[in-house]
Amino acid sequence: MAEEKKGQTSVPEEEPEIITLEFDDDSKVDCEIMGTFPVGDQDYIALAPLDGTDDVYLYHYQEYDDASFELTDIEDDDLFQKVVKEFEAIMNEED
């Protein structure tokens, strides 16, 4: 008969959400979705490549009613700096 341990529960770990980025040179990088966050009235997404580096990719994130989404580059340098600053603030809050 199996022994029951009281007061202990096992919480299964969530599987990370992985997406594959495809670049113009046909290279691909698998990335874990770190999360989405707003800056102003737009949403952005942080992606951590699974290549062993400490890199983080930041993109404009647009989700649609059918649960599909689109990632686009942040081409404005000032806006990109705002997004980086907000991402860093969020990461510092979690520490």
Protein backbone atom coordinates (compact mmCIF):
# COMPACT_ATOMS: atom_id res chain seq x y z
CA MET A 1 0.00 0.00 0.00
CA ALA A 2 1.37 3.42 -0.91
CA GLU A 3 2.15 5.75 1.97
CA GLU A 4 0.23 9.05 1.83
CA LYS A 5 2.11 12.20 2.72
CA LYS A 6 -0.09 14.85 4.24
CA GLY A 7 0.43 18.55 3.70
CA GLN A 8 2.51 18.16 0.55
CA THR A 9 1.23 18.89 -2.88
CA SER A 10 3.00 18.56 -6.16
CA VAL A 11 2.60 21.49 -8.52
CA PRO A 12 3.41 20.55 -12.08
CA GLU A 13 5.76 22.97 -13.79
CA GLU A 14 4.30 24.79 -16.76
CA GLU A 15 5.86 24.03 -20.09
CA PRO A 16 7.43 27.18 -21.53
CA GLU A 17 5.75 28.60 -24.60
CA ILE A 18 8.16 28.38 -27.52
CA ILE A 19 7.94 30.15 -30.87
CA THR A 20 10.34 30.04 -33.79
CA LEU A 21 11.52 33.30 -35.30
CA GLU A 22 12.42 33.23 -38.97
CA PHE A 23 14.78 35.93 -40.23
CA ASP A 24 15.30 37.39 -43.71
CA ASP A 25 18.45 35.27 -44.21
CA ASP A 26 16.32 32.10 -43.68
CA SER A 27 17.89 31.43 -40.28
CA LYS A 28 15.58 30.31 -37.48
CA VAL A 29 15.80 30.72 -33.72
CA ASP A 30 13.59 29.00 -31.16
CA CYS A 31 12.60 31.39 -28.37
CA GLU A 32 10.78 31.12 -25.07
CA ILE A 33 8.05 33.70 -24.59
CA MET A 34 9.00 35.65 -21.48
CA GLY A 35 5.80 37.67 -21.58
CA THR A 36 3.98 40.62 -23.04
CA PHE A 37 3.76 44.10 -21.58
CA PRO A 38 2.26 47.48 -22.53
CA VAL A 39 4.13 50.66 -23.34
CA GLY A 40 1.73 53.48 -24.00
CA ASP A 41 -1.27 52.08 -25.84
CA GLN A 42 0.61 49.23 -27.58
CA ASP A 43 1.76 45.79 -26.45
CA TYR A 44 5.25 44.39 -26.76
CA ILE A 45 6.68 40.91 -26.30
CA ALA A 46 9.98 39.73 -24.82
CA LEU A 47 11.52 36.56 -26.25
CA ALA A 48 14.52 34.67 -24.88
CA PRO A 49 16.37 32.63 -27.53
CA LEU A 50 17.11 29.05 -26.54
CA ASP A 51 20.66 29.23 -27.92
CA GLY A 52 22.36 29.59 -24.55
CA THR A 53 22.91 33.35 -24.81
CA ASP A 54 21.53 36.02 -22.49
CA ASP A 55 19.96 37.86 -25.42
CA VAL A 56 16.38 39.08 -25.31
CA TYR A 57 14.41 40.03 -28.41
CA LEU A 58 11.75 42.74 -28.10
CA TYR A 59 8.99 43.16 -30.70
CA HIS A 60 5.72 44.99 -31.12
CA TYR A 61 3.01 42.41 -30.40
CA GLN A 62 -0.47 42.45 -31.95
CA GLU A 63 -2.98 39.74 -31.01
CA TYR A 64 -6.12 39.20 -33.09
CA ASP A 65 -9.61 37.93 -32.21
CA ASP A 66 -8.88 34.50 -33.70
CA ALA A 67 -5.96 34.05 -31.23
CA SER A 68 -3.36 34.57 -33.97
CA PHE A 69 -0.70 37.20 -33.48
CA GLU A 70 1.84 39.26 -35.35
CA LEU A 71 5.31 40.39 -34.31
CA THR A 72 6.82 43.47 -35.93
CA ASP A 73 10.15 45.20 -35.49
CA ILE A 74 10.32 48.35 -33.38
CA GLU A 75 11.89 50.65 -35.95
CA ASP A 76 11.78 53.96 -34.06
CA ASP A 77 14.92 54.25 -31.92
CA ASP A 78 13.29 56.45 -29.27
CA LEU A 79 10.35 54.06 -28.95
CA PHE A 80 12.73 51.09 -28.78
CA GLN A 81 14.57 52.74 -25.89
CA LYS A 82 11.24 53.27 -24.06
CA VAL A 83 10.38 49.59 -24.56
CA VAL A 84 13.82 48.51 -23.30
CA LYS A 85 13.46 50.76 -20.25
CA GLU A 86 10.03 49.33 -19.42
CA PHE A 87 11.27 45.75 -19.91
CA GLU A 88 14.23 46.39 -17.59
CA ALA A 89 11.90 47.93 -14.97
CA ILE A 90 9.68 44.85 -15.09
CA MET A 91 12.67 42.53 -14.76
CA ASN A 92 14.00 44.53 -11.79
CA GLU A 93 10.61 44.26 -10.05
CA GLU A 94 10.77 40.47 -10.30
CA ASP A 95 14.19 40.28 -8.62
